[in-house]
């Protein structure tokens, strides 16, 4: 399913992989350099939708306009503010989770740190970009303790944008956060041929952990 949202920035293009008998919705934002039709984005959305979760993808305005640079983070955070109420309106009975590949997840985290949003049950990071390659630091995580929903970090053990030791330190300081390490995965969750898991098995692991997190959060809502 495809649609466009018009707002005062630019058009936002949406695609939805709808599930049969859905129990929740996950909105997945793309990384800085590739849009919602990147193979990883398509694969994870399809895999999640096959497990009973509507998977929504969208393009940030800069990507929709064909620009390579994300530009102002303010505009991209604002895009989240436009997409979320539209999805809440479309699926009013379903709990909603935010997520994103790298940059997309980081923009969602800034949104939730700035403005708690009713109805959002958690956030999943498909590779949180903790630092630039070769510039190890934790400054990009300074706002994460302001987020008031559960957080799941899915991080490859070979991720050059999030040294695994540092991301462990970050998650350990957060109130309601968990980390799952993806064996041998890089920042794009690509694994070498010598890895213990194949590429398909790695995608399944990412899907399994996402579904487990969503099911845990939604079951606690029913208690």
N, C-alpha and C. Protein backbone atom coordinates (compact mmCIF):
# COMPACT_ATOMS: atom_id res chain seq x y z
N UNK A 1 0.85 -1.19 0.00
CA UNK A 1 0.00 0.00 0.00
C UNK A 1 0.89 1.24 0.00
N UNK A 2 0.62 2.20 -0.88
CA UNK A 2 1.41 3.41 -0.96
C UNK A 2 0.51 4.64 -0.82
N UNK A 3 1.08 5.71 -0.24
CA UNK A 3 0.35 6.97 -0.16
C UNK A 3 1.34 8.11 0.06
N UNK A 4 0.85 9.33 -0.10
CA UNK A 4 1.67 10.52 0.15
C UNK A 4 0.99 11.37 1.22
N UNK A 5 1.80 12.00 2.05
CA UNK A 5 1.31 12.99 2.99
C UNK A 5 1.84 14.35 2.57
N UNK A 6 0.97 15.35 2.53
CA UNK A 6 1.39 16.71 2.23
C UNK A 6 1.47 17.51 3.52
N UNK A 7 2.56 18.24 3.71
CA UNK A 7 2.67 19.11 4.87
C UNK A 7 3.50 20.31 4.46
N UNK A 8 3.82 21.18 5.41
CA UNK A 8 4.44 22.44 5.03
C UNK A 8 5.92 22.32 4.70
N UNK A 9 6.49 21.12 4.79
CA UNK A 9 7.88 20.94 4.37
C UNK A 9 7.91 20.49 2.91
N UNK A 10 7.62 19.23 2.67
CA UNK A 10 7.56 18.65 1.34
C UNK A 10 6.68 17.41 1.44
N UNK A 11 6.55 16.69 0.33
CA UNK A 11 5.78 15.46 0.38
C UNK A 11 6.53 14.39 1.16
N UNK A 12 5.78 13.53 1.85
CA UNK A 12 6.35 12.37 2.50
C UNK A 12 5.68 11.14 1.89
N UNK A 13 6.50 10.26 1.37
CA UNK A 13 6.01 9.07 0.69
C UNK A 13 5.96 7.92 1.70
N UNK A 14 4.84 7.22 1.77
CA UNK A 14 4.66 6.11 2.69
C UNK A 14 4.43 4.80 1.93
N UNK A 15 4.94 3.70 2.49
CA UNK A 15 4.59 2.37 2.01
C UNK A 15 4.28 1.52 3.24
N UNK A 16 3.26 0.69 3.13
CA UNK A 16 2.85 -0.14 4.25
C UNK A 16 2.78 -1.60 3.82
N UNK A 17 3.53 -2.44 4.52
CA UNK A 17 3.40 -3.88 4.38
C UNK A 17 2.39 -4.31 5.44
N UNK A 18 1.17 -4.60 5.01
CA UNK A 18 0.13 -4.93 5.97
C UNK A 18 0.14 -6.42 6.35
N UNK A 19 -0.10 -6.66 7.63
CA UNK A 19 -0.14 -8.02 8.15
C UNK A 19 -1.57 -8.55 8.19
N UNK A 20 -1.69 -9.85 8.20
CA UNK A 20 -2.98 -10.49 8.43
C UNK A 20 -3.19 -10.59 9.94
N UNK A 21 -4.37 -10.21 10.42
CA UNK A 21 -4.67 -10.23 11.86
C UNK A 21 -3.58 -9.51 12.66
N UNK A 22 -3.34 -8.22 12.37
CA UNK A 22 -2.24 -7.49 13.02
C UNK A 22 -2.47 -7.26 14.51
N UNK A 23 -1.37 -7.27 15.26
CA UNK A 23 -1.44 -6.99 16.69
C UNK A 23 -0.73 -5.70 17.07
N UNK A 24 -0.05 -5.07 16.10
CA UNK A 24 0.66 -3.81 16.37
C UNK A 24 1.11 -3.22 15.04
N UNK A 25 1.67 -2.01 15.12
CA UNK A 25 2.24 -1.33 13.96
C UNK A 25 3.65 -0.89 14.31
N UNK A 26 4.58 -1.08 13.39
CA UNK A 26 5.92 -0.53 13.56
C UNK A 26 6.19 0.42 12.39
N UNK A 27 6.69 1.60 12.70
CA UNK A 27 7.08 2.58 11.68
C UNK A 27 8.60 2.56 11.60
N UNK A 28 9.13 2.33 10.39
CA UNK A 28 10.57 2.16 10.21
C UNK A 28 11.11 3.27 9.30
N UNK A 29 11.98 4.11 9.84
CA UNK A 29 12.59 5.19 9.06
C UNK A 29 13.94 4.72 8.51
N UNK A 30 14.29 5.22 7.34
CA UNK A 30 15.50 4.77 6.66
C UNK A 30 16.77 5.45 7.20
N UNK A 31 17.92 4.94 6.78
CA UNK A 31 19.20 5.53 7.15
C UNK A 31 19.50 6.77 6.34
N UNK A 32 20.61 7.40 6.65
CA UNK A 32 20.93 8.69 6.03
C UNK A 32 21.16 8.60 4.52
N UNK A 33 21.76 7.51 4.06
CA UNK A 33 22.17 7.46 2.66
C UNK A 33 21.30 6.64 1.73
N UNK A 34 20.27 6.00 2.24
CA UNK A 34 19.41 5.16 1.40
C UNK A 34 17.98 5.26 1.88
N UNK A 35 17.04 5.30 0.93
CA UNK A 35 15.65 5.51 1.27
C UNK A 35 14.90 4.26 1.68
N UNK A 36 13.60 4.39 1.73
CA UNK A 36 12.76 3.30 2.25
C UNK A 36 12.73 2.08 1.33
N UNK A 37 13.20 2.22 0.08
CA UNK A 37 13.21 1.09 -0.83
C UNK A 37 14.56 0.37 -0.85
N UNK A 38 15.46 0.74 0.04
CA UNK A 38 16.72 0.01 0.16
C UNK A 38 16.40 -1.46 0.46
N UNK A 39 17.19 -2.41 -0.06
CA UNK A 39 16.89 -3.84 0.17
C UNK A 39 16.71 -4.21 1.64
N UNK A 40 17.51 -3.63 2.53
CA UNK A 40 17.34 -3.96 3.94
C UNK A 40 15.98 -3.50 4.44
N UNK A 41 15.58 -2.29 4.06
CA UNK A 41 14.29 -1.74 4.50
C UNK A 41 13.14 -2.60 3.99
N UNK A 42 13.21 -3.00 2.73
CA UNK A 42 12.16 -3.85 2.18
C UNK A 42 12.12 -5.20 2.87
N UNK A 43 13.30 -5.76 3.10
CA UNK A 43 13.38 -7.10 3.69
C UNK A 43 12.86 -7.13 5.12
N UNK A 44 13.28 -6.18 5.93
CA UNK A 44 12.86 -6.20 7.34
C UNK A 44 11.36 -5.89 7.46
N UNK A 45 10.87 -4.97 6.62
CA UNK A 45 9.43 -4.65 6.66
C UNK A 45 8.60 -5.87 6.27
N UNK A 46 9.02 -6.55 5.21
CA UNK A 46 8.27 -7.73 4.76
C UNK A 46 8.32 -8.83 5.83
N UNK A 47 9.50 -9.05 6.40
CA UNK A 47 9.65 -10.12 7.39
C UNK A 47 8.79 -9.86 8.63
N UNK A 48 8.77 -8.61 9.07
CA UNK A 48 7.97 -8.26 10.25
C UNK A 48 6.48 -8.38 9.95
N UNK A 49 6.08 -7.95 8.77
CA UNK A 49 4.64 -8.01 8.43
C UNK A 49 4.15 -9.45 8.34
N UNK A 50 5.05 -10.37 8.00
CA UNK A 50 4.68 -11.79 7.94
C UNK A 50 4.46 -12.38 9.33
N UNK A 51 4.83 -11.62 10.35
CA UNK A 51 4.71 -12.10 11.73
C UNK A 51 3.61 -11.36 12.50
N UNK A 52 2.70 -10.75 11.79
CA UNK A 52 1.53 -10.16 12.43
C UNK A 52 1.66 -8.72 12.86
N UNK A 53 2.60 -7.97 12.26
CA UNK A 53 2.79 -6.55 12.59
C UNK A 53 2.75 -5.74 11.31
N UNK A 54 1.87 -4.74 11.21
CA UNK A 54 1.93 -3.81 10.08
C UNK A 54 3.28 -3.09 10.10
N UNK A 55 3.97 -3.03 8.96
CA UNK A 55 5.26 -2.36 8.88
C UNK A 55 5.17 -1.17 7.93
N UNK A 56 5.33 0.02 8.48
CA UNK A 56 5.21 1.27 7.72
C UNK A 56 6.61 1.81 7.42
N UNK A 57 6.86 2.14 6.16
CA UNK A 57 8.11 2.81 5.78
C UNK A 57 7.78 4.19 5.21
N UNK A 58 8.70 5.11 5.37
CA UNK A 58 8.49 6.42 4.75
C UNK A 58 9.83 7.04 4.40
N UNK A 59 9.80 7.97 3.45
CA UNK A 59 11.00 8.72 3.07
C UNK A 59 11.02 10.06 3.79
N UNK A 60 12.16 10.41 4.33
CA UNK A 60 12.33 11.78 4.82
C UNK A 60 12.24 12.73 3.63
N UNK A 61 11.86 13.99 3.85
CA UNK A 61 11.68 14.92 2.73
C UNK A 61 12.90 15.07 1.84
N UNK A 62 14.11 15.07 2.40
CA UNK A 62 15.30 15.24 1.57
C UNK A 62 15.47 14.07 0.60
N UNK A 63 15.14 12.88 1.06
CA UNK A 63 15.24 11.70 0.20
C UNK A 63 14.17 11.75 -0.88
N UNK A 64 12.98 12.17 -0.51
CA UNK A 64 11.89 12.28 -1.48
C UNK A 64 12.23 13.28 -2.57
N UNK A 65 12.99 14.31 -2.19
CA UNK A 65 13.37 15.35 -3.15
C UNK A 65 14.62 14.99 -3.96
N UNK A 66 15.20 13.82 -3.68
CA UNK A 66 16.36 13.38 -4.44
C UNK A 66 17.69 13.94 -3.95
N UNK A 67 17.69 14.50 -2.74
CA UNK A 67 18.94 15.04 -2.20
C UNK A 67 19.69 13.95 -1.42
N UNK A 68 21.02 14.02 -1.42
CA UNK A 68 21.84 13.02 -0.75
C UNK A 68 22.06 13.33 0.72
N UNK A 69 22.10 14.62 1.05
CA UNK A 69 22.39 15.01 2.43
C UNK A 69 21.10 15.16 3.23
N UNK A 70 21.07 14.65 4.47
CA UNK A 70 19.88 14.80 5.31
C UNK A 70 19.55 16.25 5.64
N UNK A 71 20.56 17.13 5.60
CA UNK A 71 20.31 18.53 5.93
C UNK A 71 19.93 18.71 7.38
N UNK A 72 19.00 19.61 7.63
CA UNK A 72 18.58 19.94 8.99
C UNK A 72 17.89 18.77 9.67
N UNK A 73 18.37 18.39 10.85
CA UNK A 73 17.70 17.32 11.59
C UNK A 73 16.31 17.76 12.01
N UNK A 74 16.11 19.07 12.18
CA UNK A 74 14.81 19.58 12.59
C UNK A 74 13.72 19.17 11.60
N UNK A 75 14.00 19.27 10.30
CA UNK A 75 13.01 18.91 9.28
C UNK A 75 12.70 17.42 9.32
N UNK A 76 13.71 16.62 9.59
CA UNK A 76 13.51 15.17 9.59
C UNK A 76 12.80 14.70 10.85
N UNK A 77 13.06 15.37 11.97
CA UNK A 77 12.29 15.09 13.18
C UNK A 77 10.83 15.51 12.97
N UNK A 78 10.65 16.63 12.29
CA UNK A 78 9.29 17.11 11.99
C UNK A 78 8.54 16.11 11.11
N UNK A 79 9.26 15.43 10.21
CA UNK A 79 8.61 14.43 9.36
C UNK A 79 8.01 13.32 10.23
N UNK A 80 8.72 12.92 11.27
CA UNK A 80 8.16 11.95 12.20
C UNK A 80 6.86 12.48 12.83
N UNK A 81 6.84 13.76 13.16
CA UNK A 81 5.65 14.36 13.78
C UNK A 81 4.45 14.34 12.84
N UNK A 82 4.72 14.32 11.54
CA UNK A 82 3.64 14.27 10.55
C UNK A 82 3.16 12.83 10.35
N UNK A 83 4.10 11.90 10.28
CA UNK A 83 3.76 10.51 9.99
C UNK A 83 2.99 9.85 11.13
N UNK A 84 3.44 10.04 12.36
CA UNK A 84 2.85 9.32 13.50
C UNK A 84 1.35 9.53 13.63
N UNK A 85 0.84 10.77 13.66
CA UNK A 85 -0.62 10.92 13.81
C UNK A 85 -1.40 10.34 12.65
N UNK A 86 -0.82 10.33 11.45
CA UNK A 86 -1.51 9.73 10.31
C UNK A 86 -1.66 8.22 10.51
N UNK A 87 -0.62 7.59 11.03
CA UNK A 87 -0.68 6.14 11.28
C UNK A 87 -1.61 5.85 12.46
N UNK A 88 -1.59 6.71 13.47
CA UNK A 88 -2.52 6.53 14.60
C UNK A 88 -3.97 6.65 14.13
N UNK A 89 -4.20 7.55 13.19
CA UNK A 89 -5.55 7.74 12.66
C UNK A 89 -5.96 6.52 11.81
N UNK A 90 -5.02 5.97 11.08
CA UNK A 90 -5.31 4.84 10.19
C UNK A 90 -5.54 3.55 10.98
N UNK A 91 -4.77 3.38 12.07
CA UNK A 91 -4.87 2.15 12.87
C UNK A 91 -5.12 2.51 14.34
N UNK A 92 -6.28 3.07 14.65
CA UNK A 92 -6.52 3.60 16.00
C UNK A 92 -6.54 2.56 17.11
N UNK A 93 -6.78 1.30 16.77
CA UNK A 93 -6.90 0.27 17.80
C UNK A 93 -5.59 -0.46 18.08
N UNK A 94 -4.54 -0.12 17.32
CA UNK A 94 -3.29 -0.88 17.44
C UNK A 94 -2.19 -0.08 18.14
N UNK A 95 -1.40 -0.75 19.00
CA UNK A 95 -0.24 -0.08 19.60
C UNK A 95 0.81 0.20 18.52
N UNK A 96 1.52 1.30 18.69
CA UNK A 96 2.49 1.73 17.67
C UNK A 96 3.89 1.78 18.26
N UNK A 97 4.85 1.29 17.47
CA UNK A 97 6.26 1.31 17.84
C UNK A 97 7.03 2.10 16.78
N UNK A 98 8.01 2.86 17.22
CA UNK A 98 8.88 3.58 16.30
C UNK A 98 10.17 2.79 16.12
N UNK A 99 10.79 2.95 14.97
CA UNK A 99 12.08 2.30 14.74
C UNK A 99 12.78 3.00 13.59
N UNK A 100 14.01 2.58 13.35
CA UNK A 100 14.72 3.16 12.23
C UNK A 100 16.08 2.51 12.05
N UNK A 101 16.50 2.53 10.80
CA UNK A 101 17.86 2.07 10.48
C UNK A 101 18.80 3.25 10.69
N UNK A 102 19.71 3.15 11.62
CA UNK A 102 20.75 4.15 11.85
C UNK A 102 20.15 5.55 12.05
N UNK A 103 20.36 6.44 11.08
CA UNK A 103 19.92 7.83 11.19
C UNK A 103 18.42 7.93 11.47
N UNK A 104 17.64 7.09 10.82
CA UNK A 104 16.19 7.15 11.02
C UNK A 104 15.79 6.88 12.45
N UNK A 105 16.46 5.92 13.08
CA UNK A 105 16.20 5.64 14.49
C UNK A 105 16.67 6.77 15.39
N UNK A 106 17.79 7.36 15.03
CA UNK A 106 18.31 8.47 15.85
C UNK A 106 17.35 9.66 15.80
N UNK A 107 16.76 9.95 14.63
CA UNK A 107 15.79 11.04 14.54
C UNK A 107 14.56 10.74 15.39
N UNK A 108 14.12 9.48 15.38
CA UNK A 108 12.98 9.10 16.21
C UNK A 108 13.30 9.27 17.69
N UNK A 109 14.54 8.96 18.07
CA UNK A 109 14.93 9.10 19.47
C UNK A 109 14.92 10.56 19.91
N UNK A 110 15.34 11.44 19.02
CA UNK A 110 15.31 12.88 19.36
C UNK A 110 13.87 13.36 19.52
N UNK A 111 12.99 12.88 18.67
CA UNK A 111 11.58 13.23 18.79
C UNK A 111 11.04 12.83 20.15
N UNK A 112 11.26 11.57 20.54
CA UNK A 112 10.72 11.09 21.81
C UNK A 112 11.39 11.74 23.01
N UNK A 113 12.63 12.14 22.87
CA UNK A 113 13.31 12.84 23.96
C UNK A 113 12.77 14.25 24.14
N UNK A 114 12.37 14.86 23.02
CA UNK A 114 11.85 16.23 23.07
C UNK A 114 10.39 16.27 23.50
N UNK A 115 9.59 15.31 22.98
CA UNK A 115 8.15 15.35 23.18
C UNK A 115 7.58 13.95 23.37
N UNK A 116 7.28 13.53 24.58
CA UNK A 116 6.62 12.24 24.75
C UNK A 116 5.31 12.21 23.96
N UNK A 117 5.04 11.12 23.28
CA UNK A 117 3.86 11.02 22.41
C UNK A 117 2.96 9.90 22.91
N UNK A 118 1.72 10.24 23.19
CA UNK A 118 0.75 9.24 23.65
C UNK A 118 0.58 8.15 22.61
N UNK A 119 0.52 6.93 23.07
CA UNK A 119 0.25 5.81 22.18
C UNK A 119 1.48 5.11 21.64
N UNK A 120 2.66 5.69 21.82
CA UNK A 120 3.89 5.04 21.37
C UNK A 120 4.37 4.11 22.48
N UNK A 121 4.56 2.85 22.14
CA UNK A 121 4.85 1.83 23.16
C UNK A 121 6.32 1.48 23.29
N UNK A 122 7.13 1.88 22.34
CA UNK A 122 8.56 1.56 22.41
C UNK A 122 9.28 1.98 21.15
N UNK A 123 10.60 1.85 21.17
CA UNK A 123 11.42 2.21 20.02
C UNK A 123 12.49 1.16 19.81
N UNK A 124 12.71 0.79 18.56
CA UNK A 124 13.72 -0.20 18.19
C UNK A 124 14.74 0.46 17.27
N UNK A 125 16.00 0.31 17.61
CA UNK A 125 17.09 0.86 16.79
C UNK A 125 17.74 -0.27 16.01
N UNK A 126 17.64 -0.22 14.69
CA UNK A 126 18.38 -1.15 13.85
C UNK A 126 19.75 -0.55 13.57
N UNK A 127 20.62 -0.64 14.56
CA UNK A 127 21.96 -0.06 14.44
C UNK A 127 21.96 1.41 14.83
N UNK A 128 22.01 1.71 16.14
CA UNK A 128 22.06 3.12 16.55
C UNK A 128 23.44 3.67 16.19
N UNK A 129 23.51 4.82 15.47
CA UNK A 129 24.80 5.39 15.06
C UNK A 129 25.42 6.21 16.18
N UNK A 130 26.11 5.54 17.09
CA UNK A 130 26.62 6.20 18.28
C UNK A 130 27.71 7.21 17.98
N UNK A 131 28.50 6.95 16.97
CA UNK A 131 29.60 7.86 16.63
C UNK A 131 29.97 7.67 15.17
N UNK A 132 30.72 8.61 14.63
CA UNK A 132 31.22 8.49 13.25
C UNK A 132 32.35 7.46 13.22
N UNK A 133 32.60 6.84 12.06
CA UNK A 133 33.69 5.86 11.98
C UNK A 133 35.02 6.48 12.40
N UNK A 134 35.71 5.85 13.30
CA UNK A 134 37.01 6.33 13.74
C UNK A 134 36.97 7.47 14.73
N UNK A 135 35.77 7.94 15.09
CA UNK A 135 35.64 9.04 16.06
C UNK A 135 34.80 8.57 17.24
N UNK A 136 35.38 7.66 18.00
CA UNK A 136 34.65 6.99 19.07
C UNK A 136 34.23 7.97 20.16
N UNK A 137 32.95 7.94 20.52
CA UNK A 137 32.42 8.83 21.56
C UNK A 137 30.97 8.48 21.83
N UNK A 138 30.42 9.06 22.89
CA UNK A 138 29.04 8.74 23.29
C UNK A 138 28.12 9.96 23.27
N UNK A 139 28.57 11.07 22.71
CA UNK A 139 27.78 12.30 22.76
C UNK A 139 26.42 12.15 22.10
N UNK A 140 26.32 11.35 21.05
CA UNK A 140 25.04 11.18 20.36
C UNK A 140 23.99 10.48 21.22
N UNK A 141 24.42 9.94 22.34
CA UNK A 141 23.48 9.25 23.23
C UNK A 141 23.04 10.11 24.41
N UNK A 142 23.49 11.35 24.46
CA UNK A 142 23.22 12.19 25.64
C UNK A 142 21.74 12.38 25.92
N UNK A 143 20.90 12.32 24.89
CA UNK A 143 19.47 12.59 25.06
C UNK A 143 18.65 11.34 25.38
N UNK A 144 19.25 10.16 25.26
CA UNK A 144 18.47 8.92 25.34
C UNK A 144 17.83 8.69 26.70
N UNK A 145 18.42 9.26 27.76
CA UNK A 145 17.83 9.07 29.09
C UNK A 145 16.56 9.88 29.29
N UNK A 146 16.21 10.72 28.32
CA UNK A 146 14.98 11.51 28.41
C UNK A 146 13.79 10.78 27.77
N UNK A 147 14.05 9.65 27.14
CA UNK A 147 12.98 8.89 26.47
C UNK A 147 12.24 8.06 27.51
N UNK A 148 10.91 8.15 27.49
CA UNK A 148 10.12 7.50 28.55
C UNK A 148 9.40 6.23 28.09
N UNK A 149 9.85 5.63 26.98
CA UNK A 149 9.31 4.35 26.54
C UNK A 149 10.47 3.35 26.45
N UNK A 150 10.18 2.05 26.50
CA UNK A 150 11.24 1.05 26.39
C UNK A 150 12.02 1.17 25.08
N UNK A 151 13.32 0.90 25.15
CA UNK A 151 14.19 1.01 23.99
C UNK A 151 14.92 -0.31 23.76
N UNK A 152 14.95 -0.76 22.51
CA UNK A 152 15.70 -1.96 22.13
C UNK A 152 16.76 -1.57 21.12
N UNK A 153 18.01 -1.90 21.44
CA UNK A 153 19.14 -1.64 20.56
C UNK A 153 19.58 -2.96 19.92
N UNK A 154 19.47 -3.05 18.60
CA UNK A 154 19.96 -4.19 17.85
C UNK A 154 21.25 -3.75 17.17
N UNK A 155 22.38 -4.28 17.62
CA UNK A 155 23.68 -3.77 17.18
C UNK A 155 24.58 -4.90 16.70
N UNK A 156 25.17 -4.71 15.53
CA UNK A 156 26.15 -5.66 15.02
C UNK A 156 27.45 -5.57 15.81
N UNK A 157 28.07 -6.71 16.02
CA UNK A 157 29.30 -6.71 16.82
C UNK A 157 30.48 -6.13 16.05
N UNK A 158 30.34 -5.94 14.74
CA UNK A 158 31.41 -5.32 13.94
C UNK A 158 31.00 -3.92 13.48
N UNK A 159 30.05 -3.30 14.14
CA UNK A 159 29.53 -1.99 13.74
C UNK A 159 30.56 -0.90 14.02
N UNK A 160 31.04 -0.26 12.96
CA UNK A 160 32.05 0.80 13.13
C UNK A 160 31.44 2.14 13.53
N UNK A 161 30.12 2.20 13.58
CA UNK A 161 29.45 3.42 14.03
C UNK A 161 28.91 3.27 15.44
N UNK A 162 29.22 2.16 16.07
CA UNK A 162 28.81 1.94 17.46
C UNK A 162 29.68 0.83 18.04
N UNK A 163 30.84 1.22 18.51
CA UNK A 163 31.73 0.24 19.13
C UNK A 163 30.94 -0.51 20.20
N UNK A 164 30.96 -1.84 20.13
CA UNK A 164 30.06 -2.63 20.96
C UNK A 164 30.26 -2.37 22.45
N UNK A 165 31.50 -2.16 22.87
CA UNK A 165 31.75 -1.86 24.28
C UNK A 165 31.10 -0.57 24.71
N UNK A 166 31.13 0.45 23.85
CA UNK A 166 30.53 1.74 24.19
C UNK A 166 29.01 1.67 24.21
N UNK A 167 28.43 0.96 23.25
CA UNK A 167 26.97 0.89 23.24
C UNK A 167 26.47 0.12 24.46
N UNK A 168 27.26 -0.85 24.93
CA UNK A 168 26.92 -1.54 26.17
C UNK A 168 26.90 -0.56 27.34
N UNK A 169 27.89 0.31 27.40
CA UNK A 169 27.96 1.30 28.48
C UNK A 169 26.75 2.23 28.44
N UNK A 170 26.36 2.65 27.23
CA UNK A 170 25.22 3.54 27.08
C UNK A 170 23.94 2.87 27.58
N UNK A 171 23.69 1.67 27.09
CA UNK A 171 22.45 0.97 27.43
C UNK A 171 22.37 0.70 28.93
N UNK A 172 23.51 0.42 29.53
CA UNK A 172 23.53 0.12 30.97
C UNK A 172 23.10 1.31 31.82
N UNK A 173 23.21 2.52 31.28
CA UNK A 173 22.83 3.72 32.04
C UNK A 173 21.36 4.09 31.88
N UNK A 174 20.66 3.44 30.94
CA UNK A 174 19.28 3.82 30.64
C UNK A 174 18.31 3.01 31.47
N UNK A 175 17.19 3.63 31.81
CA UNK A 175 16.23 3.04 32.74
C UNK A 175 15.54 1.80 32.19
N UNK A 176 15.05 1.85 30.97
CA UNK A 176 14.27 0.74 30.42
C UNK A 176 14.76 0.46 29.01
N UNK A 177 15.94 -0.11 28.93
CA UNK A 177 16.56 -0.35 27.63
C UNK A 177 17.26 -1.69 27.63
N UNK A 178 17.31 -2.30 26.46
CA UNK A 178 18.00 -3.58 26.32
C UNK A 178 18.81 -3.58 25.03
N UNK A 179 19.86 -4.38 25.04
CA UNK A 179 20.76 -4.50 23.90
C UNK A 179 20.80 -5.94 23.45
N UNK A 180 20.68 -6.16 22.14
CA UNK A 180 20.88 -7.49 21.60
C UNK A 180 21.97 -7.39 20.54
N UNK A 181 23.02 -8.16 20.73
CA UNK A 181 24.15 -8.14 19.81
C UNK A 181 23.90 -9.10 18.64
N UNK A 182 24.12 -8.59 17.43
CA UNK A 182 23.97 -9.40 16.22
C UNK A 182 25.36 -9.91 15.83
N UNK A 183 25.60 -11.20 15.96
CA UNK A 183 26.95 -11.73 15.75
C UNK A 183 27.52 -11.40 14.37
N UNK A 184 28.71 -10.81 14.37
CA UNK A 184 29.49 -10.54 13.15
C UNK A 184 28.86 -9.48 12.23
N UNK A 185 27.76 -8.86 12.66
CA UNK A 185 27.10 -7.88 11.81
C UNK A 185 27.84 -6.55 11.79
N UNK A 186 27.90 -5.92 10.62
CA UNK A 186 28.44 -4.55 10.55
C UNK A 186 27.29 -3.57 10.72
N UNK A 187 27.51 -2.30 10.40
CA UNK A 187 26.45 -1.31 10.63
C UNK A 187 25.22 -1.57 9.76
N UNK A 188 25.40 -2.25 8.65
CA UNK A 188 24.27 -2.61 7.77
C UNK A 188 23.79 -4.03 8.02
N UNK A 189 24.33 -4.66 9.07
CA UNK A 189 24.02 -6.04 9.44
C UNK A 189 24.47 -7.04 8.38
N UNK A 190 25.45 -6.64 7.57
CA UNK A 190 26.06 -7.60 6.66
C UNK A 190 27.07 -8.43 7.43
N UNK A 191 27.10 -9.71 7.12
CA UNK A 191 28.01 -10.61 7.83
C UNK A 191 28.96 -11.26 6.82
N UNK A 192 30.20 -11.55 7.22
CA UNK A 192 31.14 -12.21 6.31
C UNK A 192 30.75 -13.67 6.09
N UNK A 193 31.31 -14.27 5.05
CA UNK A 193 31.00 -15.67 4.73
C UNK A 193 31.41 -16.60 5.86
N UNK A 194 32.40 -16.18 6.64
CA UNK A 194 32.89 -17.02 7.74
C UNK A 194 32.05 -16.89 9.01
N UNK A 195 31.02 -16.05 8.97
CA UNK A 195 30.21 -15.80 10.18
C UNK A 195 29.44 -17.04 10.61
N UNK A 196 29.08 -17.05 11.88
CA UNK A 196 28.34 -18.19 12.42
C UNK A 196 26.92 -18.27 11.87
N UNK A 197 26.36 -17.12 11.47
CA UNK A 197 25.01 -17.08 10.88
C UNK A 197 25.10 -16.58 9.45
N UNK A 198 24.23 -17.09 8.59
CA UNK A 198 24.16 -16.60 7.21
C UNK A 198 23.45 -15.25 7.19
N UNK A 199 23.41 -14.61 6.01
CA UNK A 199 22.71 -13.34 5.89
C UNK A 199 21.22 -13.51 6.15
N UNK A 200 20.64 -14.58 5.64
CA UNK A 200 19.22 -14.83 5.87
C UNK A 200 18.94 -15.10 7.34
N UNK A 201 19.82 -15.84 8.00
CA UNK A 201 19.64 -16.13 9.42
C UNK A 201 19.79 -14.86 10.26
N UNK A 202 20.64 -13.95 9.80
CA UNK A 202 20.82 -12.67 10.50
C UNK A 202 19.55 -11.84 10.40
N UNK A 203 18.94 -11.81 9.22
CA UNK A 203 17.68 -11.09 9.06
C UNK A 203 16.60 -11.70 9.95
N UNK A 204 16.56 -13.02 10.02
CA UNK A 204 15.58 -13.68 10.88
C UNK A 204 15.81 -13.34 12.34
N UNK A 205 17.08 -13.25 12.76
CA UNK A 205 17.39 -12.89 14.13
C UNK A 205 16.91 -11.48 14.45
N UNK A 206 17.14 -10.54 13.53
CA UNK A 206 16.66 -9.17 13.71
C UNK A 206 15.13 -9.16 13.82
N UNK A 207 14.48 -9.93 12.97
CA UNK A 207 13.01 -10.01 13.00
C UNK A 207 12.53 -10.62 14.30
N UNK A 208 13.14 -11.73 14.69
CA UNK A 208 12.74 -12.41 15.92
C UNK A 208 12.85 -11.50 17.13
N UNK A 209 13.95 -10.77 17.23
CA UNK A 209 14.15 -9.89 18.38
C UNK A 209 13.16 -8.73 18.37
N UNK A 210 12.87 -8.21 17.19
CA UNK A 210 11.88 -7.13 17.08
C UNK A 210 10.50 -7.61 17.51
N UNK A 211 10.10 -8.77 17.01
CA UNK A 211 8.79 -9.32 17.35
C UNK A 211 8.71 -9.63 18.84
N UNK A 212 9.77 -10.21 19.39
CA UNK A 212 9.79 -10.54 20.82
C UNK A 212 9.61 -9.29 21.67
N UNK A 213 10.29 -8.21 21.30
CA UNK A 213 10.18 -6.94 22.02
C UNK A 213 8.76 -6.39 21.94
N UNK A 214 8.19 -6.39 20.73
CA UNK A 214 6.84 -5.86 20.54
C UNK A 214 5.82 -6.70 21.31
N UNK A 215 5.96 -8.01 21.24
CA UNK A 215 5.02 -8.88 21.96
C UNK A 215 5.13 -8.70 23.47
N UNK A 216 6.33 -8.53 23.95
CA UNK A 216 6.52 -8.30 25.39
C UNK A 216 5.84 -7.01 25.83
N UNK A 217 6.02 -5.94 25.05
CA UNK A 217 5.42 -4.65 25.39
C UNK A 217 3.91 -4.69 25.29
N UNK A 218 3.38 -5.34 24.26
CA UNK A 218 1.92 -5.37 24.09
C UNK A 218 1.26 -6.28 25.11
N UNK A 219 1.95 -7.35 25.51
CA UNK A 219 1.36 -8.23 26.54
C UNK A 219 1.30 -7.54 27.89
N UNK A 220 2.28 -6.68 28.17
CA UNK A 220 2.28 -5.95 29.45
C UNK A 220 1.15 -4.92 29.48
N UNK A 221 0.75 -4.43 28.28
CA UNK A 221 -0.38 -3.49 28.20
C UNK A 221 -1.68 -4.15 28.61
N UNK A 222 -1.77 -5.48 28.41
CA UNK A 222 -3.02 -6.19 28.66
C UNK A 222 -3.16 -6.68 30.10
N UNK A 223 -2.08 -6.55 30.87
CA UNK A 223 -2.12 -7.01 32.26
C UNK A 223 -2.93 -6.08 33.15
